[in-house]
Amino acid sequence: MAVVEMIYLVAAILWIVVVVAAVGIGVRIGLRMRARRRRMNQLLAVVRLPLLVALRRR
């Protein structure tokens, strides 16, 4: 019986490690996407501002 309990314990620990690793990878990818979106928004704002100024002058 102790062997079966040890196998369950090892399986549970491995499952927890896998879940924690997946959450960590997901957070890292999310932060990268957020930073990329922020850079794109800044770039678009730089391009959009002169267009808005030019359109208002008409």
Protein backbone atom coordinates (compact mmCIF):
# COMPACT_ATOMS: atom_id res chain seq x y z
CA MET A 1 0.00 0.00 0.00
CA ALA A 2 2.88 2.39 0.73
CA VAL A 3 4.18 2.01 -2.82
CA VAL A 4 0.83 3.02 -4.29
CA GLU A 5 0.64 6.05 -2.00
CA MET A 6 4.18 7.02 -2.99
CA ILE A 7 3.24 6.82 -6.67
CA TYR A 8 0.18 9.01 -6.05
CA LEU A 9 2.33 11.50 -4.15
CA VAL A 10 4.93 11.70 -6.93
CA ALA A 11 2.19 12.06 -9.55
CA ALA A 12 0.52 14.85 -7.58
CA ILE A 13 3.81 16.70 -7.15
CA LEU A 14 4.61 16.40 -10.86
CA TRP A 15 1.12 17.63 -11.72
CA ILE A 16 1.58 20.69 -9.50
CA VAL A 17 4.96 21.40 -11.09
CA VAL A 18 3.44 21.16 -14.58
CA VAL A 19 0.58 23.51 -13.68
CA VAL A 20 2.89 26.06 -12.07
CA ALA A 21 5.21 25.96 -15.09
CA ALA A 22 2.28 26.42 -17.48
CA VAL A 23 1.03 29.41 -15.51
CA GLY A 24 4.52 30.93 -15.51
CA ILE A 25 4.88 30.47 -19.26
CA GLY A 26 1.42 31.94 -19.81
CA VAL A 27 2.22 35.01 -17.73
CA ARG A 28 5.50 35.50 -19.58
CA ILE A 29 3.81 35.29 -22.99
CA GLY A 30 1.07 37.63 -21.81
CA LEU A 31 3.59 40.22 -20.67
CA ARG A 32 5.42 39.99 -23.98
CA MET A 33 2.20 40.49 -25.92
CA ARG A 34 1.26 43.42 -23.71
CA ALA A 35 4.64 45.08 -24.27
CA ARG A 36 4.39 44.52 -28.03
CA ARG A 37 0.88 46.01 -28.08
CA ARG A 38 2.10 49.00 -26.10
CA ARG A 39 4.95 49.60 -28.59
CA MET A 40 2.55 49.32 -31.53
CA ASN A 41 0.13 51.76 -29.89
CA GLN A 42 2.95 54.25 -29.36
CA LEU A 43 4.04 53.89 -32.96
CA LEU A 44 0.49 54.34 -34.22
CA ALA A 45 0.05 57.39 -32.00
CA VAL A 46 3.15 58.98 -33.53
CA VAL A 47 1.75 58.38 -37.01
CA ARG A 48 -1.84 59.30 -36.11
CA LEU A 49 -1.08 62.66 -34.48
CA PRO A 50 0.23 64.40 -37.63
CA LEU A 51 -2.74 63.02 -39.57
CA LEU A 52 -5.20 64.45 -37.07
CA VAL A 53 -3.45 67.82 -37.12
CA ALA A 54 -3.45 67.87 -40.92
CA LEU A 55 -7.13 66.96 -41.10
CA ARG A 56 -8.13 69.68 -38.65
CA ARG A 57 -6.44 72.37 -40.74
CA ARG A 58 -8.76 71.72 -43.70
